[in-house]
mmCIF file of all heavy atoms, coordinates in Angstrom:
data_MODEL
# 
_entry.id   MODEL 
# 
loop_
_atom_site.group_PDB 
_atom_site.id 
_atom_site.type_symbol 
_atom_site.label_atom_id 
_atom_site.label_alt_id 
_atom_site.label_comp_id 
_atom_site.label_asym_id 
_atom_site.label_entity_id 
_atom_site.label_seq_id 
_atom_site.pdbx_PDB_ins_code 
_atom_site.Cartn_x 
_atom_site.Cartn_y 
_atom_site.Cartn_z 
_atom_site.occupancy 
_atom_site.B_iso_or_equiv 
_atom_site.pdbx_formal_charge 
_atom_site.auth_seq_id 
_atom_site.auth_comp_id 
_atom_site.auth_asym_id 
_atom_site.auth_atom_id 
_atom_site.pdbx_PDB_model_num 
ATOM 1   N N   . ILE A 1 1  ? 2.238   -15.701 -19.833 1.00 0.00 ? 1  ILE A N   1 
ATOM 2   C CA  . ILE A 1 1  ? 1.596   -14.594 -19.132 1.00 0.00 ? 1  ILE A CA  1 
ATOM 3   C C   . ILE A 1 1  ? 0.472   -15.135 -18.242 1.00 0.00 ? 1  ILE A C   1 
ATOM 4   O O   . ILE A 1 1  ? -0.231  -16.057 -18.611 1.00 0.00 ? 1  ILE A O   1 
ATOM 5   C CB  . ILE A 1 1  ? 1.045   -13.564 -20.145 1.00 0.00 ? 1  ILE A CB  1 
ATOM 6   C CG1 . ILE A 1 1  ? 0.701   -12.266 -19.466 1.00 0.00 ? 1  ILE A CG1 1 
ATOM 7   C CG2 . ILE A 1 1  ? -0.121  -14.071 -20.916 1.00 0.00 ? 1  ILE A CG2 1 
ATOM 8   C CD1 . ILE A 1 1  ? 1.877   -11.414 -19.213 1.00 0.00 ? 1  ILE A CD1 1 
ATOM 9   N N   . ASP A 1 2  ? 0.336   -14.569 -17.041 1.00 0.00 ? 2  ASP A N   1 
ATOM 10  C CA  . ASP A 1 2  ? -0.764  -14.941 -16.154 1.00 0.00 ? 2  ASP A CA  1 
ATOM 11  C C   . ASP A 1 2  ? -2.047  -14.334 -16.702 1.00 0.00 ? 2  ASP A C   1 
ATOM 12  O O   . ASP A 1 2  ? -2.116  -13.121 -16.907 1.00 0.00 ? 2  ASP A O   1 
ATOM 13  C CB  . ASP A 1 2  ? -0.515  -14.428 -14.738 1.00 0.00 ? 2  ASP A CB  1 
ATOM 14  C CG  . ASP A 1 2  ? 0.654   -15.108 -14.073 1.00 0.00 ? 2  ASP A CG  1 
ATOM 15  O OD1 . ASP A 1 2  ? 0.863   -16.302 -14.356 1.00 0.00 ? 2  ASP A OD1 1 
ATOM 16  O OD2 . ASP A 1 2  ? 1.338   -14.454 -13.275 1.00 0.00 ? 2  ASP A OD2 1 
ATOM 17  N N   . PRO A 1 3  ? -3.077  -15.144 -16.942 1.00 0.00 ? 3  PRO A N   1 
ATOM 18  C CA  . PRO A 1 3  ? -4.315  -14.595 -17.510 1.00 0.00 ? 3  PRO A CA  1 
ATOM 19  C C   . PRO A 1 3  ? -5.041  -13.686 -16.521 1.00 0.00 ? 3  PRO A C   1 
ATOM 20  O O   . PRO A 1 3  ? -5.197  -14.023 -15.356 1.00 0.00 ? 3  PRO A O   1 
ATOM 21  C CB  . PRO A 1 3  ? -5.141  -15.837 -17.830 1.00 0.00 ? 3  PRO A CB  1 
ATOM 22  C CG  . PRO A 1 3  ? -4.583  -16.918 -17.008 1.00 0.00 ? 3  PRO A CG  1 
ATOM 23  C CD  . PRO A 1 3  ? -3.149  -16.581 -16.743 1.00 0.00 ? 3  PRO A CD  1 
ATOM 24  N N   . ARG A 1 4  ? -5.434  -12.518 -16.987 1.00 0.00 ? 4  ARG A N   1 
ATOM 25  C CA  . ARG A 1 4  ? -6.210  -11.556 -16.199 1.00 0.00 ? 4  ARG A CA  1 
ATOM 26  C C   . ARG A 1 4  ? -7.143  -10.827 -17.156 1.00 0.00 ? 4  ARG A C   1 
ATOM 27  O O   . ARG A 1 4  ? -6.762  -10.504 -18.274 1.00 0.00 ? 4  ARG A O   1 
ATOM 28  C CB  . ARG A 1 4  ? -5.301  -10.528 -15.524 1.00 0.00 ? 4  ARG A CB  1 
ATOM 29  C CG  . ARG A 1 4  ? -4.349  -11.113 -14.524 1.00 0.00 ? 4  ARG A CG  1 
ATOM 30  C CD  . ARG A 1 4  ? -3.499  -10.058 -13.907 1.00 0.00 ? 4  ARG A CD  1 
ATOM 31  N NE  . ARG A 1 4  ? -4.332  -9.285  -12.996 1.00 0.00 ? 4  ARG A NE  1 
ATOM 32  C CZ  . ARG A 1 4  ? -3.905  -8.237  -12.330 1.00 0.00 ? 4  ARG A CZ  1 
ATOM 33  N NH1 . ARG A 1 4  ? -2.681  -7.825  -12.481 1.00 0.00 ? 4  ARG A NH1 1 
ATOM 34  N NH2 . ARG A 1 4  ? -4.697  -7.592  -11.521 1.00 0.00 ? 4  ARG A NH2 1 
ATOM 35  N N   . CYS A 1 5  ? -8.339  -10.553 -16.706 1.00 0.00 ? 5  CYS A N   1 
ATOM 36  C CA  . CYS A 1 5  ? -9.305  -9.847  -17.544 1.00 0.00 ? 5  CYS A CA  1 
ATOM 37  C C   . CYS A 1 5  ? -8.838  -8.430  -17.892 1.00 0.00 ? 5  CYS A C   1 
ATOM 38  O O   . CYS A 1 5  ? -9.299  -7.857  -18.868 1.00 0.00 ? 5  CYS A O   1 
ATOM 39  C CB  . CYS A 1 5  ? -10.665 -9.798  -16.855 1.00 0.00 ? 5  CYS A CB  1 
ATOM 40  S SG  . CYS A 1 5  ? -11.516 -11.378 -16.845 1.00 0.00 ? 5  CYS A SG  1 
ATOM 41  N N   . ALA A 1 6  ? -7.938  -7.886  -17.116 1.00 0.00 ? 6  ALA A N   1 
ATOM 42  C CA  . ALA A 1 6  ? -7.450  -6.529  -17.361 1.00 0.00 ? 6  ALA A CA  1 
ATOM 43  C C   . ALA A 1 6  ? -6.774  -6.408  -18.724 1.00 0.00 ? 6  ALA A C   1 
ATOM 44  O O   . ALA A 1 6  ? -6.811  -5.354  -19.345 1.00 0.00 ? 6  ALA A O   1 
ATOM 45  C CB  . ALA A 1 6  ? -6.483  -6.103  -16.265 1.00 0.00 ? 6  ALA A CB  1 
ATOM 46  N N   . TYR A 1 7  ? -6.157  -7.494  -19.222 1.00 0.00 ? 7  TYR A N   1 
ATOM 47  C CA  . TYR A 1 7  ? -5.532  -7.441  -20.540 1.00 0.00 ? 7  TYR A CA  1 
ATOM 48  C C   . TYR A 1 7  ? -5.998  -8.569  -21.447 1.00 0.00 ? 7  TYR A C   1 
ATOM 49  O O   . TYR A 1 7  ? -5.221  -9.212  -22.143 1.00 0.00 ? 7  TYR A O   1 
ATOM 50  C CB  . TYR A 1 7  ? -4.001  -7.376  -20.464 1.00 0.00 ? 7  TYR A CB  1 
ATOM 51  C CG  . TYR A 1 7  ? -3.359  -8.159  -19.352 1.00 0.00 ? 7  TYR A CG  1 
ATOM 52  C CD1 . TYR A 1 7  ? -3.087  -9.505  -19.478 1.00 0.00 ? 7  TYR A CD1 1 
ATOM 53  C CD2 . TYR A 1 7  ? -3.001  -7.524  -18.175 1.00 0.00 ? 7  TYR A CD2 1 
ATOM 54  C CE1 . TYR A 1 7  ? -2.477  -10.205 -18.465 1.00 0.00 ? 7  TYR A CE1 1 
ATOM 55  C CE2 . TYR A 1 7  ? -2.408  -8.231  -17.153 1.00 0.00 ? 7  TYR A CE2 1 
ATOM 56  C CZ  . TYR A 1 7  ? -2.143  -9.558  -17.312 1.00 0.00 ? 7  TYR A CZ  1 
ATOM 57  O OH  . TYR A 1 7  ? -1.542  -10.252 -16.299 1.00 0.00 ? 7  TYR A OH  1 
ATOM 58  N N   . CYS A 1 8  ? -7.303  -8.768  -21.461 1.00 0.00 ? 8  CYS A N   1 
ATOM 59  C CA  . CYS A 1 8  ? -7.946  -9.724  -22.354 1.00 0.00 ? 8  CYS A CA  1 
ATOM 60  C C   . CYS A 1 8  ? -8.594  -8.960  -23.508 1.00 0.00 ? 8  CYS A C   1 
ATOM 61  O O   . CYS A 1 8  ? -9.059  -7.837  -23.334 1.00 0.00 ? 8  CYS A O   1 
ATOM 62  C CB  . CYS A 1 8  ? -9.005  -10.519 -21.592 1.00 0.00 ? 8  CYS A CB  1 
ATOM 63  S SG  . CYS A 1 8  ? -9.934  -11.676 -22.617 1.00 0.00 ? 8  CYS A SG  1 
ATOM 64  N N   . GLN A 1 9  ? -8.634  -9.559  -24.682 1.00 0.00 ? 9  GLN A N   1 
ATOM 65  C CA  . GLN A 1 9  ? -9.261  -8.929  -25.838 1.00 0.00 ? 9  GLN A CA  1 
ATOM 66  C C   . GLN A 1 9  ? -10.754 -8.714  -25.637 1.00 0.00 ? 9  GLN A C   1 
ATOM 67  O O   . GLN A 1 9  ? -11.333 -7.792  -26.193 1.00 0.00 ? 9  GLN A O   1 
ATOM 68  C CB  . GLN A 1 9  ? -9.055  -9.783  -27.086 1.00 0.00 ? 9  GLN A CB  1 
ATOM 69  C CG  . GLN A 1 9  ? -7.654  -9.819  -27.580 1.00 0.00 ? 9  GLN A CG  1 
ATOM 70  C CD  . GLN A 1 9  ? -7.500  -10.751 -28.780 1.00 0.00 ? 9  GLN A CD  1 
ATOM 71  O OE1 . GLN A 1 9  ? -8.437  -11.439 -29.157 1.00 0.00 ? 9  GLN A OE1 1 
ATOM 72  N NE2 . GLN A 1 9  ? -6.315  -10.768 -29.354 1.00 0.00 ? 9  GLN A NE2 1 
ATOM 73  N N   . LYS A 1 10 ? -11.382 -9.539  -24.837 1.00 0.00 ? 10 LYS A N   1 
ATOM 74  C CA  . LYS A 1 10 ? -12.828 -9.473  -24.647 1.00 0.00 ? 10 LYS A CA  1 
ATOM 75  C C   . LYS A 1 10 ? -13.253 -8.517  -23.535 1.00 0.00 ? 10 LYS A C   1 
ATOM 76  O O   . LYS A 1 10 ? -14.443 -8.346  -23.302 1.00 0.00 ? 10 LYS A O   1 
ATOM 77  C CB  . LYS A 1 10 ? -13.365 -10.867 -24.339 1.00 0.00 ? 10 LYS A CB  1 
ATOM 78  C CG  . LYS A 1 10 ? -13.166 -11.836 -25.485 1.00 0.00 ? 10 LYS A CG  1 
ATOM 79  C CD  . LYS A 1 10 ? -13.741 -13.168 -25.146 1.00 0.00 ? 10 LYS A CD  1 
ATOM 80  C CE  . LYS A 1 10 ? -13.587 -14.215 -26.195 1.00 0.00 ? 10 LYS A CE  1 
ATOM 81  N NZ  . LYS A 1 10 ? -13.135 -13.875 -27.481 1.00 0.00 ? 10 LYS A NZ  1 
ATOM 82  N N   . GLY A 1 11 ? -12.312 -7.894  -22.849 1.00 0.00 ? 11 GLY A N   1 
ATOM 83  C CA  . GLY A 1 11 ? -12.643 -7.008  -21.739 1.00 0.00 ? 11 GLY A CA  1 
ATOM 84  C C   . GLY A 1 11 ? -12.226 -5.577  -21.986 1.00 0.00 ? 11 GLY A C   1 
ATOM 85  O O   . GLY A 1 11 ? -11.292 -5.301  -22.728 1.00 0.00 ? 11 GLY A O   1 
ATOM 86  N N   . GLN A 1 12 ? -12.933 -4.665  -21.338 1.00 0.00 ? 12 GLN A N   1 
ATOM 87  C CA  . GLN A 1 12 ? -12.592 -3.246  -21.382 1.00 0.00 ? 12 GLN A CA  1 
ATOM 88  C C   . GLN A 1 12 ? -12.535 -2.744  -19.955 1.00 0.00 ? 12 GLN A C   1 
ATOM 89  O O   . GLN A 1 12 ? -13.519 -2.828  -19.222 1.00 0.00 ? 12 GLN A O   1 
ATOM 90  C CB  . GLN A 1 12 ? -13.654 -2.470  -22.175 1.00 0.00 ? 12 GLN A CB  1 
ATOM 91  C CG  . GLN A 1 12 ? -13.381 -1.004  -22.294 1.00 0.00 ? 12 GLN A CG  1 
ATOM 92  C CD  . GLN A 1 12 ? -12.139 -0.715  -23.109 1.00 0.00 ? 12 GLN A CD  1 
ATOM 93  O OE1 . GLN A 1 12 ? -11.853 -1.387  -24.089 1.00 0.00 ? 12 GLN A OE1 1 
ATOM 94  N NE2 . GLN A 1 12 ? -11.392 0.276   -22.698 1.00 0.00 ? 12 GLN A NE2 1 
ATOM 95  N N   . GLN A 1 13 ? -11.389 -2.217  -19.537 1.00 0.00 ? 13 GLN A N   1 
ATOM 96  C CA  . GLN A 1 13 ? -11.228 -1.787  -18.156 1.00 0.00 ? 13 GLN A CA  1 
ATOM 97  C C   . GLN A 1 13 ? -12.071 -0.551  -17.881 1.00 0.00 ? 13 GLN A C   1 
ATOM 98  O O   . GLN A 1 13 ? -12.012 0.444   -18.596 1.00 0.00 ? 13 GLN A O   1 
ATOM 99  C CB  . GLN A 1 13 ? -9.763  -1.516  -17.848 1.00 0.00 ? 13 GLN A CB  1 
ATOM 100 C CG  . GLN A 1 13 ? -9.507  -1.384  -16.373 1.00 0.00 ? 13 GLN A CG  1 
ATOM 101 C CD  . GLN A 1 13 ? -8.060  -1.675  -16.006 1.00 0.00 ? 13 GLN A CD  1 
ATOM 102 O OE1 . GLN A 1 13 ? -7.272  -2.067  -16.836 1.00 0.00 ? 13 GLN A OE1 1 
ATOM 103 N NE2 . GLN A 1 13 ? -7.748  -1.490  -14.755 1.00 0.00 ? 13 GLN A NE2 1 
ATOM 104 N N   . ILE A 1 14 ? -12.882 -0.635  -16.810 1.00 0.00 ? 14 ILE A N   1 
ATOM 105 C CA  . ILE A 1 14 ? -13.769 0.465   -16.415 1.00 0.00 ? 14 ILE A CA  1 
ATOM 106 C C   . ILE A 1 14 ? -13.045 1.407   -15.468 1.00 0.00 ? 14 ILE A C   1 
ATOM 107 O O   . ILE A 1 14 ? -13.057 2.617   -15.645 1.00 0.00 ? 14 ILE A O   1 
ATOM 108 C CB  . ILE A 1 14 ? -15.034 -0.082  -15.718 1.00 0.00 ? 14 ILE A CB  1 
ATOM 109 C CG1 . ILE A 1 14 ? -15.808 -0.977  -16.666 1.00 0.00 ? 14 ILE A CG1 1 
ATOM 110 C CG2 . ILE A 1 14 ? -15.908 1.052   -15.219 1.00 0.00 ? 14 ILE A CG2 1 
ATOM 111 C CD1 . ILE A 1 14 ? -16.941 -1.719  -16.008 1.00 0.00 ? 14 ILE A CD1 1 
ATOM 112 N N   . ASN A 1 15 ? -12.438 0.834   -14.423 1.00 0.00 ? 15 ASN A N   1 
ATOM 113 C CA  . ASN A 1 15 ? -11.667 1.611   -13.454 1.00 0.00 ? 15 ASN A CA  1 
ATOM 114 C C   . ASN A 1 15 ? -10.515 0.728   -12.980 1.00 0.00 ? 15 ASN A C   1 
ATOM 115 O O   . ASN A 1 15 ? -10.211 -0.279  -13.614 1.00 0.00 ? 15 ASN A O   1 
ATOM 116 C CB  . ASN A 1 15 ? -12.554 2.097   -12.293 1.00 0.00 ? 15 ASN A CB  1 
ATOM 117 C CG  . ASN A 1 15 ? -13.267 0.968   -11.589 1.00 0.00 ? 15 ASN A CG  1 
ATOM 118 O OD1 . ASN A 1 15 ? -12.738 -0.135  -11.461 1.00 0.00 ? 15 ASN A OD1 1 
ATOM 119 N ND2 . ASN A 1 15 ? -14.475 1.224   -11.132 1.00 0.00 ? 15 ASN A ND2 1 
ATOM 120 N N   . GLU A 1 16 ? -9.871  1.090   -11.887 1.00 0.00 ? 16 GLU A N   1 
ATOM 121 C CA  . GLU A 1 16 ? -8.686  0.354   -11.419 1.00 0.00 ? 16 GLU A CA  1 
ATOM 122 C C   . GLU A 1 16 ? -9.007  -1.053  -10.947 1.00 0.00 ? 16 GLU A C   1 
ATOM 123 O O   . GLU A 1 16 ? -8.138  -1.906  -10.908 1.00 0.00 ? 16 GLU A O   1 
ATOM 124 C CB  . GLU A 1 16 ? -8.025  1.124   -10.280 1.00 0.00 ? 16 GLU A CB  1 
ATOM 125 C CG  . GLU A 1 16 ? -7.500  2.465   -10.702 1.00 0.00 ? 16 GLU A CG  1 
ATOM 126 C CD  . GLU A 1 16 ? -7.074  3.308   -9.517  1.00 0.00 ? 16 GLU A CD  1 
ATOM 127 O OE1 . GLU A 1 16 ? -7.271  2.866   -8.368  1.00 0.00 ? 16 GLU A OE1 1 
ATOM 128 O OE2 . GLU A 1 16 ? -6.546  4.392   -9.749  1.00 0.00 ? 16 GLU A OE2 1 
ATOM 129 N N   . ARG A 1 17 ? -10.266 -1.322  -10.587 1.00 0.00 ? 17 ARG A N   1 
ATOM 130 C CA  . ARG A 1 17 ? -10.615 -2.614  -9.998  1.00 0.00 ? 17 ARG A CA  1 
ATOM 131 C C   . ARG A 1 17 ? -11.594 -3.446  -10.811 1.00 0.00 ? 17 ARG A C   1 
ATOM 132 O O   . ARG A 1 17 ? -11.796 -4.605  -10.505 1.00 0.00 ? 17 ARG A O   1 
ATOM 133 C CB  . ARG A 1 17 ? -11.196 -2.403  -8.599  1.00 0.00 ? 17 ARG A CB  1 
ATOM 134 C CG  . ARG A 1 17 ? -10.197 -1.792  -7.634  1.00 0.00 ? 17 ARG A CG  1 
ATOM 135 C CD  . ARG A 1 17 ? -10.814 -1.563  -6.292  1.00 0.00 ? 17 ARG A CD  1 
ATOM 136 N NE  . ARG A 1 17 ? -11.867 -0.551  -6.436  1.00 0.00 ? 17 ARG A NE  1 
ATOM 137 C CZ  . ARG A 1 17 ? -12.914 -0.436  -5.653  1.00 0.00 ? 17 ARG A CZ  1 
ATOM 138 N NH1 . ARG A 1 17 ? -13.086 -1.248  -4.655  1.00 0.00 ? 17 ARG A NH1 1 
ATOM 139 N NH2 . ARG A 1 17 ? -13.804 0.509   -5.842  1.00 0.00 ? 17 ARG A NH2 1 
ATOM 140 N N   . GLU A 1 18 ? -12.208 -2.891  -11.853 1.00 0.00 ? 18 GLU A N   1 
ATOM 141 C CA  . GLU A 1 18 ? -13.245 -3.607  -12.584 1.00 0.00 ? 18 GLU A CA  1 
ATOM 142 C C   . GLU A 1 18 ? -13.042 -3.566  -14.090 1.00 0.00 ? 18 GLU A C   1 
ATOM 143 O O   . GLU A 1 18 ? -12.518 -2.602  -14.635 1.00 0.00 ? 18 GLU A O   1 
ATOM 144 C CB  . GLU A 1 18 ? -14.621 -3.022  -12.256 1.00 0.00 ? 18 GLU A CB  1 
ATOM 145 C CG  . GLU A 1 18 ? -15.014 -3.189  -10.807 1.00 0.00 ? 18 GLU A CG  1 
ATOM 146 C CD  . GLU A 1 18 ? -16.331 -2.522  -10.497 1.00 0.00 ? 18 GLU A CD  1 
ATOM 147 O OE1 . GLU A 1 18 ? -16.636 -1.471  -11.095 1.00 0.00 ? 18 GLU A OE1 1 
ATOM 148 O OE2 . GLU A 1 18 ? -17.046 -3.060  -9.646  1.00 0.00 ? 18 GLU A OE2 1 
ATOM 149 N N   . VAL A 1 19 ? -13.494 -4.666  -14.730 1.00 0.00 ? 19 VAL A N   1 
ATOM 150 C CA  . VAL A 1 19 ? -13.409 -4.813  -16.180 1.00 0.00 ? 19 VAL A CA  1 
ATOM 151 C C   . VAL A 1 19 ? -14.796 -5.197  -16.689 1.00 0.00 ? 19 VAL A C   1 
ATOM 152 O O   . VAL A 1 19 ? -15.482 -6.016  -16.077 1.00 0.00 ? 19 VAL A O   1 
ATOM 153 C CB  . VAL A 1 19 ? -12.392 -5.911  -16.561 1.00 0.00 ? 19 VAL A CB  1 
ATOM 154 C CG1 . VAL A 1 19 ? -12.413 -6.191  -18.045 1.00 0.00 ? 19 VAL A CG1 1 
ATOM 155 C CG2 . VAL A 1 19 ? -11.005 -5.529  -16.114 1.00 0.00 ? 19 VAL A CG2 1 
ATOM 156 N N   . ALA A 1 20 ? -15.205 -4.616  -17.811 1.00 0.00 ? 20 ALA A N   1 
ATOM 157 C CA  . ALA A 1 20 ? -16.456 -5.001  -18.455 1.00 0.00 ? 20 ALA A CA  1 
ATOM 158 C C   . ALA A 1 20 ? -16.126 -6.077  -19.481 1.00 0.00 ? 20 ALA A C   1 
ATOM 159 O O   . ALA A 1 20 ? -15.495 -5.813  -20.494 1.00 0.00 ? 20 ALA A O   1 
ATOM 160 C CB  . ALA A 1 20 ? -17.107 -3.801  -19.121 1.00 0.00 ? 20 ALA A CB  1 
ATOM 161 N N   . CYS A 1 21 ? -16.548 -7.305  -19.203 1.00 0.00 ? 21 CYS A N   1 
ATOM 162 C CA  . CYS A 1 21 ? -16.268 -8.446  -20.068 1.00 0.00 ? 21 CYS A CA  1 
ATOM 163 C C   . CYS A 1 21 ? -17.463 -8.695  -20.991 1.00 0.00 ? 21 CYS A C   1 
ATOM 164 O O   . CYS A 1 21 ? -18.615 -8.599  -20.564 1.00 0.00 ? 21 CYS A O   1 
ATOM 165 C CB  . CYS A 1 21 ? -16.003 -9.691  -19.214 1.00 0.00 ? 21 CYS A CB  1 
ATOM 166 S SG  . CYS A 1 21 ? -15.730 -11.190 -20.172 1.00 0.00 ? 21 CYS A SG  1 
ATOM 167 N N   . VAL A 1 22 ? -17.194 -9.034  -22.232 1.00 0.00 ? 22 VAL A N   1 
ATOM 168 C CA  . VAL A 1 22 ? -18.244 -9.329  -23.194 1.00 0.00 ? 22 VAL A CA  1 
ATOM 169 C C   . VAL A 1 22 ? -19.029 -10.569 -22.773 1.00 0.00 ? 22 VAL A C   1 
ATOM 170 O O   . VAL A 1 22 ? -20.243 -10.642 -22.947 1.00 0.00 ? 22 VAL A O   1 
ATOM 171 C CB  . VAL A 1 22 ? -17.624 -9.540  -24.597 1.00 0.00 ? 22 VAL A CB  1 
ATOM 172 C CG1 . VAL A 1 22 ? -18.656 -10.005 -25.592 1.00 0.00 ? 22 VAL A CG1 1 
ATOM 173 C CG2 . VAL A 1 22 ? -16.949 -8.280  -25.069 1.00 0.00 ? 22 VAL A CG2 1 
ATOM 174 N N   . LYS A 1 23 ? -18.357 -11.544 -22.194 1.00 0.00 ? 23 LYS A N   1 
ATOM 175 C CA  . LYS A 1 23 ? -18.981 -12.819 -21.833 1.00 0.00 ? 23 LYS A CA  1 
ATOM 176 C C   . LYS A 1 23 ? -19.543 -12.854 -20.412 1.00 0.00 ? 23 LYS A C   1 
ATOM 177 O O   . LYS A 1 23 ? -20.547 -13.493 -20.162 1.00 0.00 ? 23 LYS A O   1 
ATOM 178 C CB  . LYS A 1 23 ? -17.962 -13.950 -21.976 1.00 0.00 ? 23 LYS A CB  1 
ATOM 179 C CG  . LYS A 1 23 ? -17.441 -14.121 -23.377 1.00 0.00 ? 23 LYS A CG  1 
ATOM 180 C CD  . LYS A 1 23 ? -18.539 -14.578 -24.300 1.00 0.00 ? 23 LYS A CD  1 
ATOM 181 C CE  . LYS A 1 23 ? -18.028 -14.747 -25.700 1.00 0.00 ? 23 LYS A CE  1 
ATOM 182 N NZ  . LYS A 1 23 ? -19.041 -15.140 -26.639 1.00 0.00 ? 23 LYS A NZ  1 
ATOM 183 N N   . HIS A 1 24 ? -18.894 -12.180 -19.450 1.00 0.00 ? 24 HIS A N   1 
ATOM 184 C CA  . HIS A 1 24 ? -19.260 -12.319 -18.036 1.00 0.00 ? 24 HIS A CA  1 
ATOM 185 C C   . HIS A 1 24 ? -19.737 -11.027 -17.367 1.00 0.00 ? 24 HIS A C   1 
ATOM 186 O O   . HIS A 1 24 ? -20.007 -11.031 -16.171 1.00 0.00 ? 24 HIS A O   1 
ATOM 187 C CB  . HIS A 1 24 ? -18.080 -12.890 -17.246 1.00 0.00 ? 24 HIS A CB  1 
ATOM 188 C CG  . HIS A 1 24 ? -17.697 -14.257 -17.677 1.00 0.00 ? 24 HIS A CG  1 
ATOM 189 N ND1 . HIS A 1 24 ? -18.434 -15.376 -17.353 1.00 0.00 ? 24 HIS A ND1 1 
ATOM 190 C CD2 . HIS A 1 24 ? -16.668 -14.704 -18.434 1.00 0.00 ? 24 HIS A CD2 1 
ATOM 191 C CE1 . HIS A 1 24 ? -17.863 -16.453 -17.876 1.00 0.00 ? 24 HIS A CE1 1 
ATOM 192 N NE2 . HIS A 1 24 ? -16.800 -16.055 -18.547 1.00 0.00 ? 24 HIS A NE2 1 
ATOM 193 N N   . GLY A 1 25 ? -19.811 -9.934  -18.096 1.00 0.00 ? 25 GLY A N   1 
ATOM 194 C CA  . GLY A 1 25 ? -20.263 -8.674  -17.508 1.00 0.00 ? 25 GLY A CA  1 
ATOM 195 C C   . GLY A 1 25 ? -19.157 -8.000  -16.712 1.00 0.00 ? 25 GLY A C   1 
ATOM 196 O O   . GLY A 1 25 ? -17.987 -8.074  -17.058 1.00 0.00 ? 25 GLY A O   1 
ATOM 197 N N   . ILE A 1 26 ? -19.505 -7.343  -15.604 1.00 0.00 ? 26 ILE A N   1 
ATOM 198 C CA  . ILE A 1 26 ? -18.538 -6.638  -14.762 1.00 0.00 ? 26 ILE A CA  1 
ATOM 199 C C   . ILE A 1 26 ? -17.833 -7.648  -13.854 1.00 0.00 ? 26 ILE A C   1 
ATOM 200 O O   . ILE A 1 26 ? -18.474 -8.354  -13.089 1.00 0.00 ? 26 ILE A O   1 
ATOM 201 C CB  . ILE A 1 26 ? -19.241 -5.575  -13.891 1.00 0.00 ? 26 ILE A CB  1 
ATOM 202 C CG1 . ILE A 1 26 ? -20.089 -4.654  -14.753 1.00 0.00 ? 26 ILE A CG1 1 
ATOM 203 C CG2 . ILE A 1 26 ? -18.219 -4.815  -13.047 1.00 0.00 ? 26 ILE A CG2 1 
ATOM 204 C CD1 . ILE A 1 26 ? -19.338 -3.618  -15.530 1.00 0.00 ? 26 ILE A CD1 1 
# 
């Protein structure tokens, strides 16, 4: 699988273009 923050355990998708990451923020 191609790694993307959209489907990472450490991220939560905010909207269609942004993810809130535990390690790196938005």
